[in-house]
Amino acid sequence: MRIVSLSVDGIHQAAQRGLYDWLAEQDADIICLQDLRSLEPELDHPVFHPDGYYSYFFDSGTPHENGVAIYTRNQPKAIIFGMGFANGEDMYGRYLQADFERLSVGSLLAPAATDESSLEKKVQFFDDMQAHLIKISRKRRDFIFCGNWGMAHRRADVENWQDHQDTPGFMRHEQRWLDQLFNEIGYVDAFRKVVKDADEFSWWPSGTVGEGDGWRTDMQVTSATLKNRIEYGAINKNVSFSSHLPVIMDYDLEV
């Protein structure tokens, strides 16, 4: 099974840059897109509904803000909108999940942190998400969370990391959160399971791929049960549809 994930900085702009032509060549079973910046009624054009895929969208309810999508060749048994946080904090980001027989695949867009207030909301979002991930780790179900997590884990994941130690996305508490996710709770950074190189970046804060320092904030995170099912991973550096690059992962799975 192949999953392609990409944060698009606006789905209409990415489509104009050839995203859907490229996706048609990838033989992906599931495609997860983030940061659509479009309401679902604005996506009725056939280009946004590729042949051979079931299409699902979760917008923000506000024009030009966030939103996520999942395309899947196999019809899911259920579609879940949001993570159901009691305080509603999951609405500051966006999350959409497709449930199959034993596997759930989510498309995640973390909240952006641009000031003290939004940073607090981001911290709350990930605290609530950690509790959610601990809870579902006890289920007899496999999970793959694809998306723009809005933070990088290790020094190898940020170009010139020493210049960004106090930058949102690479602050110490964010690194600790990811440490807990991977080392204590047991989830797996699928890309790092198969690719160890330090110069693999998926996002450029400058807004242009290759300009300034690159970060690896786009990840596919799996439950521990899938650790030995990860076969291949790559960040495609030959295309540019946004400030992010596509993450492509192959798994020894069927849905």
C-alpha atoms as a PDB file:
ATOM      1  CA  MET A   1       0.000   0.000   0.000  1.00  0.00           C
ATOM      2  CA  ARG A   2       1.319   3.418  -0.965  1.00  0.00           C
ATOM      3  CA  ILE A   3       0.342   6.618   0.868  1.00  0.00           C
ATOM      4  CA  VAL A   4       1.258  10.070  -0.426  1.00  0.00           C
ATOM      5  CA  SER A   5       0.876  13.060   1.894  1.00  0.00           C
ATOM      6  CA  LEU A   6       1.403  16.743   1.172  1.00  0.00           C
ATOM      7  CA  SER A   7       0.619  20.118   2.730  1.00  0.00           C
ATOM      8  CA  VAL A   8      -0.436  22.195  -0.275  1.00  0.00           C
ATOM      9  CA  ASP A   9      -0.594  25.869   0.879  1.00  0.00           C
ATOM     10  CA  GLY A  10      -3.919  26.192  -0.928  1.00  0.00           C
ATOM     11  CA  ILE A  11      -5.434  23.446  -3.078  1.00  0.00           C
ATOM     12  CA  HIS A  12      -6.379  25.671  -6.020  1.00  0.00           C
ATOM     13  CA  GLN A  13      -2.829  27.010  -6.367  1.00  0.00           C
ATOM     14  CA  ALA A  14      -1.368  23.505  -6.096  1.00  0.00           C
ATOM     15  CA  ALA A  15      -3.771  22.230  -8.760  1.00  0.00           C
ATOM     16  CA  GLN A  16      -2.709  25.024 -11.109  1.00  0.00           C
ATOM     17  CA  ARG A  17       0.903  23.945 -10.562  1.00  0.00           C
ATOM     18  CA  GLY A  18       0.117  20.410 -11.728  1.00  0.00           C
ATOM     19  CA  LEU A  19      -0.496  18.562  -8.456  1.00  0.00           C
ATOM     20  CA  TYR A  20      -3.274  16.337  -9.755  1.00  0.00           C
ATOM     21  CA  ASP A  21      -1.405  15.417 -12.935  1.00  0.00           C
ATOM     22  CA  TRP A  22       1.509  14.337 -10.745  1.00  0.00           C
ATOM     23  CA  LEU A  23      -0.707  12.415  -8.331  1.00  0.00           C
ATOM     24  CA  ALA A  24      -2.206  10.472 -11.223  1.00  0.00           C
ATOM     25  CA  GLU A  25       1.268   9.055 -11.902  1.00  0.00           C
ATOM     26  CA  GLN A  26       2.037   7.965  -8.312  1.00  0.00           C
ATOM     27  CA  ASP A  27      -0.084   4.804  -8.074  1.00  0.00           C
ATOM     28  CA  ALA A  28      -1.089   5.787  -4.541  1.00  0.00           C
ATOM     29  CA  ASP A  29      -3.724   3.819  -2.672  1.00  0.00           C
ATOM     30  CA  ILE A  30      -4.375   6.734  -0.310  1.00  0.00           C
ATOM     31  CA  ILE A  31      -3.594  10.447  -0.673  1.00  0.00           C
ATOM     32  CA  CYS A  32      -3.691  12.821   2.296  1.00  0.00           C
ATOM     33  CA  LEU A  33      -3.624  16.579   1.671  1.00  0.00           C
ATOM     34  CA  GLN A  34      -3.471  19.391   4.210  1.00  0.00           C
ATOM     35  CA  ASP A  35      -3.911  23.172   4.296  1.00  0.00           C
ATOM     36  CA  LEU A  36      -6.473  23.291   1.473  1.00  0.00           C
ATOM     37  CA  ARG A  37      -7.488  26.896   2.245  1.00  0.00           C
ATOM     38  CA  SER A  38     -10.788  26.261   0.529  1.00  0.00           C
ATOM     39  CA  LEU A  39     -14.362  25.472   1.490  1.00  0.00           C
ATOM     40  CA  GLU A  40     -15.715  22.127   0.318  1.00  0.00           C
ATOM     41  CA  PRO A  41     -18.349  23.689  -2.026  1.00  0.00           C
ATOM     42  CA  GLU A  42     -15.451  25.365  -3.860  1.00  0.00           C
ATOM     43  CA  LEU A  43     -14.051  21.925  -4.722  1.00  0.00           C
ATOM     44  CA  ASP A  44     -16.807  20.664  -6.998  1.00  0.00           C
ATOM     45  CA  HIS A  45     -14.658  20.830 -10.145  1.00  0.00           C
ATOM     46  CA  PRO A  46     -13.728  17.345 -11.483  1.00  0.00           C
ATOM     47  CA  VAL A  47     -10.000  18.057 -11.033  1.00  0.00           C
ATOM     48  CA  PHE A  48     -10.514  17.837  -7.263  1.00  0.00           C
ATOM     49  CA  HIS A  49     -12.198  14.430  -7.599  1.00  0.00           C
ATOM     50  CA  PRO A  50      -9.627  12.210  -9.371  1.00  0.00           C
ATOM     51  CA  ASP A  51     -10.869   9.175 -11.259  1.00  0.00           C
ATOM     52  CA  GLY A  52     -10.604   5.975  -9.275  1.00  0.00           C
ATOM     53  CA  TYR A  53     -10.714   7.619  -5.860  1.00  0.00           C
ATOM     54  CA  TYR A  54     -13.317   8.322  -3.223  1.00  0.00           C
ATOM     55  CA  SER A  55     -12.893  11.960  -2.133  1.00  0.00           C
ATOM     56  CA  TYR A  56     -13.408  13.351   1.370  1.00  0.00           C
ATOM     57  CA  PHE A  57     -12.866  16.898   2.640  1.00  0.00           C
ATOM     58  CA  PHE A  58     -13.000  18.666   6.002  1.00  0.00           C
ATOM     59  CA  ASP A  59     -12.833  22.436   5.676  1.00  0.00           C
ATOM     60  CA  SER A  60     -12.557  25.109   8.354  1.00  0.00           C
ATOM     61  CA  GLY A  61     -15.931  26.719   7.757  1.00  0.00           C
ATOM     62  CA  THR A  62     -14.012  29.922   7.018  1.00  0.00           C
ATOM     63  CA  PRO A  63     -12.716  30.821   3.528  1.00  0.00           C
ATOM     64  CA  HIS A  64      -8.960  30.637   2.934  1.00  0.00           C
ATOM     65  CA  GLU A  65      -8.166  28.782   6.173  1.00  0.00           C
ATOM     66  CA  ASN A  66      -6.722  25.288   6.740  1.00  0.00           C
ATOM     67  CA  GLY A  67      -8.746  22.217   5.710  1.00  0.00           C
ATOM     68  CA  VAL A  68      -7.711  18.629   4.917  1.00  0.00           C
ATOM     69  CA  ALA A  69      -8.578  15.925   2.396  1.00  0.00           C
ATOM     70  CA  ILE A  70      -8.306  12.173   1.943  1.00  0.00           C
ATOM     71  CA  TYR A  71      -8.499  10.335  -1.379  1.00  0.00           C
ATOM     72  CA  THR A  72      -8.740   6.558  -1.260  1.00  0.00           C
ATOM     73  CA  ARG A  73      -9.119   3.846  -3.902  1.00  0.00           C
ATOM     74  CA  ASN A  74     -11.088   1.661  -1.478  1.00  0.00           C
ATOM     75  CA  GLN A  75     -14.278   2.931   0.090  1.00  0.00           C
ATOM     76  CA  PRO A  76     -13.847   3.353   3.867  1.00  0.00           C
ATOM     77  CA  LYS A  77     -16.234   1.813   6.357  1.00  0.00           C
ATOM     78  CA  ALA A  78     -16.434   5.169   8.131  1.00  0.00           C
ATOM     79  CA  ILE A  79     -15.167   8.767   7.930  1.00  0.00           C
ATOM     80  CA  ILE A  80     -14.347  10.569  11.173  1.00  0.00           C
ATOM     81  CA  PHE A  81     -14.260  14.389  11.330  1.00  0.00           C
ATOM     82  CA  GLY A  82     -11.975  15.698  14.076  1.00  0.00           C
ATOM     83  CA  MET A  83     -10.624  13.905  17.134  1.00  0.00           C
ATOM     84  CA  GLY A  84     -13.523  14.821  19.374  1.00  0.00           C
ATOM     85  CA  PHE A  85     -11.638  16.853  21.958  1.00  0.00           C
ATOM     86  CA  ALA A  86     -14.084  17.855  24.691  1.00  0.00           C
ATOM     87  CA  ASN A  87     -12.871  21.473  24.677  1.00  0.00           C
ATOM     88  CA  GLY A  88     -13.050  21.790  20.902  1.00  0.00           C
ATOM     89  CA  GLU A  89      -9.353  22.589  20.563  1.00  0.00           C
ATOM     90  CA  ASP A  90      -9.036  20.164  17.632  1.00  0.00           C
ATOM     91  CA  MET A  91     -10.884  22.727  15.524  1.00  0.00           C
ATOM     92  CA  TYR A  92      -7.851  25.033  15.552  1.00  0.00           C
ATOM     93  CA  GLY A  93      -6.134  22.457  13.363  1.00  0.00           C
ATOM     94  CA  ARG A  94      -7.924  19.978  11.167  1.00  0.00           C
ATOM     95  CA  TYR A  95      -8.134  16.188  11.249  1.00  0.00           C
ATOM     96  CA  LEU A  96      -9.968  13.760   8.962  1.00  0.00           C
ATOM     97  CA  GLN A  97      -9.823   9.979   9.350  1.00  0.00           C
ATOM     98  CA  ALA A  98     -10.780   7.111   7.045  1.00  0.00           C
ATOM     99  CA  ASP A  99     -11.545   3.796   8.791  1.00  0.00           C
ATOM    100  CA  PHE A 100     -11.067   0.511   6.981  1.00  0.00           C
ATOM    101  CA  GLU A 101     -11.390  -3.064   8.293  1.00  0.00           C
ATOM    102  CA  ARG A 102      -8.415  -2.971  10.694  1.00  0.00           C
ATOM    103  CA  LEU A 103      -6.647   0.207   9.599  1.00  0.00           C
ATOM    104  CA  SER A 104      -7.370   3.891  10.144  1.00  0.00           C
ATOM    105  CA  VAL A 105      -5.588   6.598   8.121  1.00  0.00           C
ATOM    106  CA  GLY A 106      -5.725  10.227   9.217  1.00  0.00           C
ATOM    107  CA  SER A 107      -4.897  13.507   7.475  1.00  0.00           C
ATOM    108  CA  LEU A 108      -3.636  15.996  10.070  1.00  0.00           C
ATOM    109  CA  LEU A 109      -2.984  19.731   9.936  1.00  0.00           C
ATOM    110  CA  ALA A 110      -1.571  21.028  13.200  1.00  0.00           C
ATOM    111  CA  PRO A 111      -2.544  24.518  14.405  1.00  0.00           C
ATOM    112  CA  ALA A 112      -0.170  27.260  13.335  1.00  0.00           C
ATOM    113  CA  ALA A 113       1.665  29.162  16.078  1.00  0.00           C
ATOM    114  CA  THR A 114       2.333  32.792  15.160  1.00  0.00           C
ATOM    115  CA  ASP A 115       1.947  34.568  18.528  1.00  0.00           C
ATOM    116  CA  GLU A 116       1.628  33.780  22.242  1.00  0.00           C
ATOM    117  CA  SER A 117      -2.109  33.106  22.046  1.00  0.00           C
ATOM    118  CA  SER A 118      -1.861  30.710  19.085  1.00  0.00           C
ATOM    119  CA  LEU A 119       1.160  29.035  20.674  1.00  0.00           C
ATOM    120  CA  GLU A 120      -0.940  28.283  23.761  1.00  0.00           C
ATOM    121  CA  LYS A 121      -3.663  26.791  21.566  1.00  0.00           C
ATOM    122  CA  LYS A 122      -1.088  24.667  19.764  1.00  0.00           C
ATOM    123  CA  VAL A 123       0.285  23.370  23.085  1.00  0.00           C
ATOM    124  CA  GLN A 124      -3.250  22.522  24.234  1.00  0.00           C
ATOM    125  CA  PHE A 125      -4.002  20.802  20.922  1.00  0.00           C
ATOM    126  CA  PHE A 126      -0.994  18.513  21.208  1.00  0.00           C
ATOM    127  CA  ASP A 127      -1.587  17.802  24.905  1.00  0.00           C
ATOM    128  CA  ASP A 128      -5.118  16.685  24.046  1.00  0.00           C
ATOM    129  CA  MET A 129      -3.860  14.784  21.033  1.00  0.00           C
ATOM    130  CA  GLN A 130      -1.342  12.904  23.178  1.00  0.00           C
ATOM    131  CA  ALA A 131      -4.120  11.750  25.488  1.00  0.00           C
ATOM    132  CA  HIS A 132      -6.122  10.668  22.436  1.00  0.00           C
ATOM    133  CA  LEU A 133      -3.175   8.731  20.986  1.00  0.00           C
ATOM    134  CA  ILE A 134      -2.554   6.952  24.274  1.00  0.00           C
ATOM    135  CA  LYS A 135      -6.213   5.966  24.443  1.00  0.00           C
ATOM    136  CA  ILE A 136      -6.452   4.577  20.909  1.00  0.00           C
ATOM    137  CA  SER A 137      -3.116   2.737  21.223  1.00  0.00           C
ATOM    138  CA  ARG A 138      -5.017   0.188  23.307  1.00  0.00           C
ATOM    139  CA  LYS A 139      -7.420  -0.581  20.471  1.00  0.00           C
ATOM    140  CA  ARG A 140      -7.063  -3.608  18.215  1.00  0.00           C
ATOM    141  CA  ARG A 141      -6.607  -1.337  15.233  1.00  0.00           C
ATOM    142  CA  ASP A 142      -3.657  -0.017  13.222  1.00  0.00           C
ATOM    143  CA  PHE A 143      -3.240   3.727  12.675  1.00  0.00           C
ATOM    144  CA  ILE A 144      -1.307   5.907  10.228  1.00  0.00           C
ATOM    145  CA  PHE A 145      -1.374   9.665  10.835  1.00  0.00           C
ATOM    146  CA  CYS A 146      -0.231  11.657   7.796  1.00  0.00           C
ATOM    147  CA  GLY A 147       0.290  15.339   7.795  1.00  0.00           C
ATOM    148  CA  ASN A 148       1.807  18.673   8.538  1.00  0.00           C
ATOM    149  CA  TRP A 149       2.648  18.369  12.231  1.00  0.00           C
ATOM    150  CA  GLY A 150       3.998  21.917  12.484  1.00  0.00           C
ATOM    151  CA  MET A 151       7.114  20.856  14.382  1.00  0.00           C
ATOM    152  CA  ALA A 152      10.393  19.038  13.842  1.00  0.00           C
ATOM    153  CA  HIS A 153      11.796  16.352  16.112  1.00  0.00           C
ATOM    154  CA  ARG A 154      15.584  16.319  16.043  1.00  0.00           C
ATOM    155  CA  ARG A 155      18.513  18.464  14.994  1.00  0.00           C
ATOM    156  CA  ALA A 156      18.833  16.363  11.845  1.00  0.00           C
ATOM    157  CA  ASP A 157      15.333  17.538  10.895  1.00  0.00           C
ATOM    158  CA  VAL A 158      16.163  21.265  10.822  1.00  0.00           C
ATOM    159  CA  GLU A 159      18.794  22.836   8.597  1.00  0.00           C
ATOM    160  CA  ASN A 160      21.138  25.021  10.694  1.00  0.00           C
ATOM    161  CA  TRP A 161      19.201  23.914  13.763  1.00  0.00           C
ATOM    162  CA  GLN A 162      21.280  26.069  16.103  1.00  0.00           C
ATOM    163  CA  ASP A 163      19.664  29.175  14.587  1.00  0.00           C
ATOM    164  CA  HIS A 164      16.135  27.927  15.340  1.00  0.00           C
ATOM    165  CA  GLN A 165      16.196  26.645  18.925  1.00  0.00           C
ATOM    166  CA  ASP A 166      13.673  29.247  20.093  1.00  0.00           C
ATOM    167  CA  THR A 167      11.570  29.182  16.935  1.00  0.00           C
ATOM    168  CA  PRO A 168       8.003  27.790  17.157  1.00  0.00           C
ATOM    169  CA  GLY A 169       8.139  24.351  15.597  1.00  0.00           C
ATOM    170  CA  PHE A 170      11.493  23.504  17.156  1.00  0.00           C
ATOM    171  CA  MET A 171      11.072  24.642  20.728  1.00  0.00           C
ATOM    172  CA  ARG A 172      12.214  22.342  23.488  1.00  0.00           C
ATOM    173  CA  HIS A 173       8.718  21.425  24.659  1.00  0.00           C
ATOM    174  CA  GLU A 174       7.806  20.438  21.093  1.00  0.00           C
ATOM    175  CA  GLN A 175      10.863  18.213  20.823  1.00  0.00           C
ATOM    176  CA  ARG A 176       9.959  16.628  24.164  1.00  0.00           C
ATOM    177  CA  TRP A 177       6.402  15.994  22.958  1.00  0.00           C
ATOM    178  CA  LEU A 178       7.746  14.083  19.963  1.00  0.00           C
ATOM    179  CA  ASP A 179      10.235  12.264  22.193  1.00  0.00           C
ATOM    180  CA  GLN A 180       7.313  11.046  24.276  1.00  0.00           C
ATOM    181  CA  LEU A 181       5.296  10.093  21.210  1.00  0.00           C
ATOM    182  CA  PHE A 182       8.043   7.932  19.737  1.00  0.00           C
ATOM    183  CA  ASN A 183      10.037   6.771  22.749  1.00  0.00           C
ATOM    184  CA  GLU A 184       7.427   6.381  25.481  1.00  0.00           C
ATOM    185  CA  ILE A 185       3.998   5.960  23.877  1.00  0.00           C
ATOM    186  CA  GLY A 186       5.472   3.827  21.098  1.00  0.00           C
ATOM    187  CA  TYR A 187       4.373   5.418  17.834  1.00  0.00           C
ATOM    188  CA  VAL A 188       6.765   5.302  14.879  1.00  0.00           C
ATOM    189  CA  ASP A 189       8.096   8.016  12.573  1.00  0.00           C
ATOM    190  CA  ALA A 190       7.694   5.909   9.430  1.00  0.00           C
ATOM    191  CA  PHE A 191      10.115   7.935   7.298  1.00  0.00           C
ATOM    192  CA  ARG A 192      12.886   7.751   9.901  1.00  0.00           C
ATOM    193  CA  LYS A 193      12.380   3.996  10.183  1.00  0.00           C
ATOM    194  CA  VAL A 194      13.737   3.573   6.650  1.00  0.00           C
ATOM    195  CA  VAL A 195      15.659   6.799   5.905  1.00  0.00           C
ATOM    196  CA  LYS A 196      18.451   7.923   8.260  1.00  0.00           C
ATOM    197  CA  ASP A 197      19.967  10.778   6.202  1.00  0.00           C
ATOM    198  CA  ALA A 198      20.193  14.158   7.952  1.00  0.00           C
ATOM    199  CA  ASP A 199      19.521  16.339   4.896  1.00  0.00           C
ATOM    200  CA  GLU A 200      15.920  15.266   4.253  1.00  0.00           C
ATOM    201  CA  PHE A 201      13.627  18.281   4.541  1.00  0.00           C
ATOM    202  CA  SER A 202       9.970  18.687   3.584  1.00  0.00           C
ATOM    203  CA  TRP A 203       9.177  22.351   4.331  1.00  0.00           C
ATOM    204  CA  TRP A 204      10.770  25.766   3.768  1.00  0.00           C
ATOM    205  CA  PRO A 205       9.446  28.568   6.022  1.00  0.00           C
ATOM    206  CA  SER A 206      10.589  31.094   3.417  1.00  0.00           C
ATOM    207  CA  GLY A 207       7.663  29.943   1.287  1.00  0.00           C
ATOM    208  CA  THR A 208       9.836  28.632  -1.541  1.00  0.00           C
ATOM    209  CA  VAL A 209      11.338  25.158  -1.690  1.00  0.00           C
ATOM    210  CA  GLY A 210      15.121  25.328  -1.491  1.00  0.00           C
ATOM    211  CA  GLU A 211      15.306  28.923  -0.265  1.00  0.00           C
ATOM    212  CA  GLY A 212      16.526  29.408   3.292  1.00  0.00           C
ATOM    213  CA  ASP A 213      16.640  26.611   5.826  1.00  0.00           C
ATOM    214  CA  GLY A 214      14.621  23.446   5.306  1.00  0.00           C
ATOM    215  CA  TRP A 215      12.650  21.637   8.021  1.00  0.00           C
ATOM    216  CA  ARG A 216      11.128  18.146   8.188  1.00  0.00           C
ATOM    217  CA  THR A 217       7.723  18.815   9.711  1.00  0.00           C
ATOM    218  CA  ASP A 218       5.681  16.554   7.402  1.00  0.00           C
ATOM    219  CA  MET A 219       5.457  13.035   8.740  1.00  0.00           C
ATOM    220  CA  GLN A 220       3.572   9.776   8.478  1.00  0.00           C
ATOM    221  CA  VAL A 221       3.334   8.395  12.016  1.00  0.00           C
ATOM    222  CA  THR A 222       2.219   4.807  12.571  1.00  0.00           C
ATOM    223  CA  SER A 223       1.107   2.754  15.536  1.00  0.00           C
ATOM    224  CA  ALA A 224       3.745   0.407  16.965  1.00  0.00           C
ATOM    225  CA  THR A 225       1.970  -2.575  15.392  1.00  0.00           C
ATOM    226  CA  LEU A 226       3.029  -1.373  11.932  1.00  0.00           C
ATOM    227  CA  LYS A 227       6.712  -0.862  12.714  1.00  0.00           C
ATOM    228  CA  ASN A 228       7.801  -3.867  10.662  1.00  0.00           C
ATOM    229  CA  ARG A 229       5.351  -3.146   7.829  1.00  0.00           C
ATOM    230  CA  ILE A 230       7.168  -0.006   6.642  1.00  0.00           C
ATOM    231  CA  GLU A 231       8.914  -0.827   3.358  1.00  0.00           C
ATOM    232  CA  TYR A 232       9.947   2.415   1.651  1.00  0.00           C
ATOM    233  CA  GLY A 233      10.012   6.143   2.273  1.00  0.00           C
ATOM    234  CA  ALA A 234      10.970   9.217   0.253  1.00  0.00           C
ATOM    235  CA  ILE A 235      10.517  12.980   0.138  1.00  0.00           C
ATOM    236  CA  ASN A 236      10.087  13.861  -3.530  1.00  0.00           C
ATOM    237  CA  LYS A 237      12.485  16.686  -4.329  1.00  0.00           C
ATOM    238  CA  ASN A 238      11.715  16.825  -8.055  1.00  0.00           C
ATOM    239  CA  VAL A 239       8.356  18.589  -7.793  1.00  0.00           C
ATOM    240  CA  SER A 240       7.169  21.816  -6.166  1.00  0.00           C
ATOM    241  CA  PHE A 241       3.486  22.495  -5.585  1.00  0.00           C
ATOM    242  CA  SER A 242       3.833  24.514  -2.353  1.00  0.00           C
ATOM    243  CA  SER A 243       6.414  25.322   0.319  1.00  0.00           C
ATOM    244  CA  HIS A 244       6.201  21.631   1.281  1.00  0.00           C
ATOM    245  CA  LEU A 245       7.346  18.511  -0.557  1.00  0.00           C
ATOM    246  CA  PRO A 246       5.362  15.271  -0.870  1.00  0.00           C
ATOM    247  CA  VAL A 247       6.122  12.425   1.537  1.00  0.00           C
ATOM    248  CA  ILE A 248       5.733   8.995  -0.080  1.00  0.00           C
ATOM    249  CA  MET A 249       5.583   5.833   2.024  1.00  0.00           C
ATOM    250  CA  ASP A 250       5.034   2.192   1.066  1.00  0.00           C
ATOM    251  CA  TYR A 251       3.644  -0.295   3.594  1.00  0.00           C
ATOM    252  CA  ASP A 252       3.249  -4.053   3.531  1.00  0.00           C
ATOM    253  CA  LEU A 253      -0.504  -3.661   4.015  1.00  0.00           C
ATOM    254  CA  GLU A 254      -3.798  -4.047   2.223  1.00  0.00           C
ATOM    255  CA  VAL A 255      -7.060  -2.257   2.937  1.00  0.00           C
END
